[in-house]
Amino acid sequence: MKAVGVRELKNRLSEYLRLVRNGEEIVTDRGEVVAELRQRSPRFDLPYPALLEAVQRGRARLGMANRPDLYRALTPAMPPGSAAKLLDQERGRR
């Protein structure tokens, strides 16, 4: 495992990210261990085990990707400028 200071890591981040991609584990060190950089684990692609179990039992469904085009645009509850007018009225009562 390679140790690197925070300042050097900040100045040469791209180089250290390449090392991580190649399997090197890097510990940032500023007199003490503050972080570990390593390749992403494939286990993070899977849902939590409890959620996966609930899906298998039919008690939950996995959602779809969050796509903005699936949501309708919200209409404002009040006309433009209403909040400013209300704030002005409230502040005038002080």
Protein backbone atom coordinates (compact mmCIF):
# COMPACT_ATOMS: atom_id res chain seq x y z
CA MET A 1 0.00 0.00 0.00
CA LYS A 2 1.37 3.40 -0.94
CA ALA A 3 1.02 6.46 1.31
CA VAL A 4 0.64 9.97 -0.04
CA GLY A 5 0.16 13.35 1.62
CA VAL A 6 -3.05 15.27 1.06
CA ARG A 7 -1.27 18.15 -0.71
CA GLU A 8 0.58 15.84 -3.10
CA LEU A 9 -2.61 13.86 -3.78
CA LYS A 10 -4.46 17.07 -4.61
CA ASN A 11 -1.70 18.26 -6.93
CA ARG A 12 -1.28 14.92 -8.74
CA LEU A 13 -4.78 13.42 -8.45
CA SER A 14 -4.99 12.17 -12.05
CA GLU A 15 -1.74 10.26 -11.67
CA TYR A 16 -2.89 8.61 -8.44
CA LEU A 17 -6.28 7.72 -9.95
CA ARG A 18 -4.42 5.91 -12.75
CA LEU A 19 -2.50 3.95 -10.11
CA VAL A 20 -5.78 3.01 -8.42
CA ARG A 21 -7.23 1.83 -11.76
CA ASN A 22 -4.20 -0.44 -12.12
CA GLY A 23 -4.94 -2.07 -8.77
CA GLU A 24 -2.74 -0.01 -6.46
CA GLU A 25 -4.30 0.86 -3.11
CA ILE A 26 -3.38 4.30 -1.90
CA VAL A 27 -3.74 5.63 1.63
CA THR A 28 -3.73 9.37 2.00
CA ASP A 29 -1.72 10.39 5.02
CA ARG A 30 -1.36 13.71 6.80
CA GLY A 31 0.42 12.35 9.80
CA GLU A 32 -2.47 9.93 10.23
CA VAL A 33 -4.61 7.80 7.96
CA VAL A 34 -7.45 9.91 6.56
CA ALA A 35 -8.67 7.94 3.53
CA GLU A 36 -8.14 4.86 1.40
CA LEU A 37 -8.51 4.92 -2.37
CA ARG A 38 -9.04 1.62 -4.13
CA GLN A 39 -10.83 0.26 -7.18
CA ARG A 40 -14.59 0.13 -7.04
CA SER A 41 -15.89 -3.21 -5.89
CA PRO A 42 -18.50 -4.99 -8.04
CA ARG A 43 -20.56 -5.57 -4.88
CA PHE A 44 -21.61 -1.92 -4.99
CA ASP A 45 -23.54 -2.67 -8.18
CA LEU A 46 -25.86 -4.99 -6.27
CA PRO A 47 -28.71 -3.80 -4.05
CA TYR A 48 -28.49 -4.31 -0.31
CA PRO A 49 -28.95 -8.00 0.61
CA ALA A 50 -32.11 -7.29 2.64
CA LEU A 51 -33.64 -5.46 -0.33
CA LEU A 52 -32.66 -8.24 -2.71
CA GLU A 53 -34.27 -10.79 -0.38
CA ALA A 54 -37.48 -8.72 -0.19
CA VAL A 55 -37.58 -8.58 -4.00
CA GLN A 56 -37.12 -12.35 -4.23
CA ARG A 57 -40.00 -12.86 -1.77
CA GLY A 58 -42.22 -10.50 -3.76
CA ARG A 59 -42.41 -7.95 -0.95
CA ALA A 60 -40.62 -5.19 -2.86
CA ARG A 61 -39.84 -4.14 -6.42
CA LEU A 62 -36.67 -2.50 -7.64
CA GLY A 63 -37.29 0.91 -9.13
CA MET A 64 -36.34 2.00 -12.60
CA ALA A 65 -33.56 4.42 -13.39
CA ASN A 66 -34.28 8.00 -12.39
CA ARG A 67 -35.15 9.64 -15.70
CA PRO A 68 -36.31 13.28 -15.67
CA ASP A 69 -38.51 12.70 -18.73
CA LEU A 70 -40.73 10.39 -16.63
CA TYR A 71 -41.83 13.21 -14.32
CA ARG A 72 -44.34 15.87 -15.24
CA ALA A 73 -43.41 19.49 -14.71
CA LEU A 74 -44.87 20.99 -11.55
CA THR A 75 -47.01 24.07 -11.82
CA PRO A 76 -46.31 26.81 -9.27
CA ALA A 77 -48.78 26.94 -6.36
CA MET A 78 -48.61 30.74 -6.35
CA PRO A 79 -48.00 33.31 -9.09
CA PRO A 80 -44.44 34.63 -9.57
CA GLY A 81 -43.52 37.30 -7.02
CA SER A 82 -45.98 36.07 -4.38
CA ALA A 83 -43.29 34.85 -2.01
CA ALA A 84 -41.47 38.18 -2.17
CA LYS A 85 -44.72 40.06 -1.45
CA LEU A 86 -45.47 37.82 1.54
CA LEU A 87 -41.96 38.31 2.89
CA ASP A 88 -42.23 42.08 2.48
CA GLN A 89 -45.56 42.05 4.36
CA GLU A 90 -44.12 39.89 7.14
CA ARG A 91 -41.01 42.02 7.52
CA GLY A 92 -43.09 45.17 7.58
CA ARG A 93 -44.88 43.91 10.72
CA ARG A 94 -41.69 43.86 12.81
